[in-house]
Amino acid sequence: PLHNPPAVKGIEAALEIFPDVPHVGVFDTSFHSTMPPSSFRYAVPSSLYDQGVRRYGFHGSSYAYVASEAAKLLSKPKPNLILLHLGSGASMCCVKGGLSVDTTMGMTPAEGLVMGTRAGDVDAG
């Protein structure tokens, strides 16, 4: 993804400026931890699943915020929503009762919708 090199530079600068402060990486897959097995399991042997081969989903920070704001606007604390994260990176997420139940991104951010620098589900290699 295009945002990784500038993010690494920011991390390196922060480590240099604040060497005695703990630094933490935050990943945005946790929003999708509520997906049922029918959404996160691939049609692969269980041995691969046991090694971590599954759909994780991404853009979770964005979806958590948008779902929270939509709940306020709709006056529904646990809405059902179809959300889209559109830009150079793109994905879709299905929210049921306020929780992620499916997403177009999979084990890596390359899977899913066509994006600015990614071919989506098609193996362009």
Foldseek 3Di string as FASTA:
>chain_A
DVCVVVVVVVVVVCCVVCVPDDDDDDFQQVLQPPADCVAWDDPDDVVVVVVPFTFRDGPNVVVLVVLCVVCVVVVHRFDWDWDWDDDQQIKIFTGGRNGTHHIQGTSDSLAGDHGNPHRHNDDPD
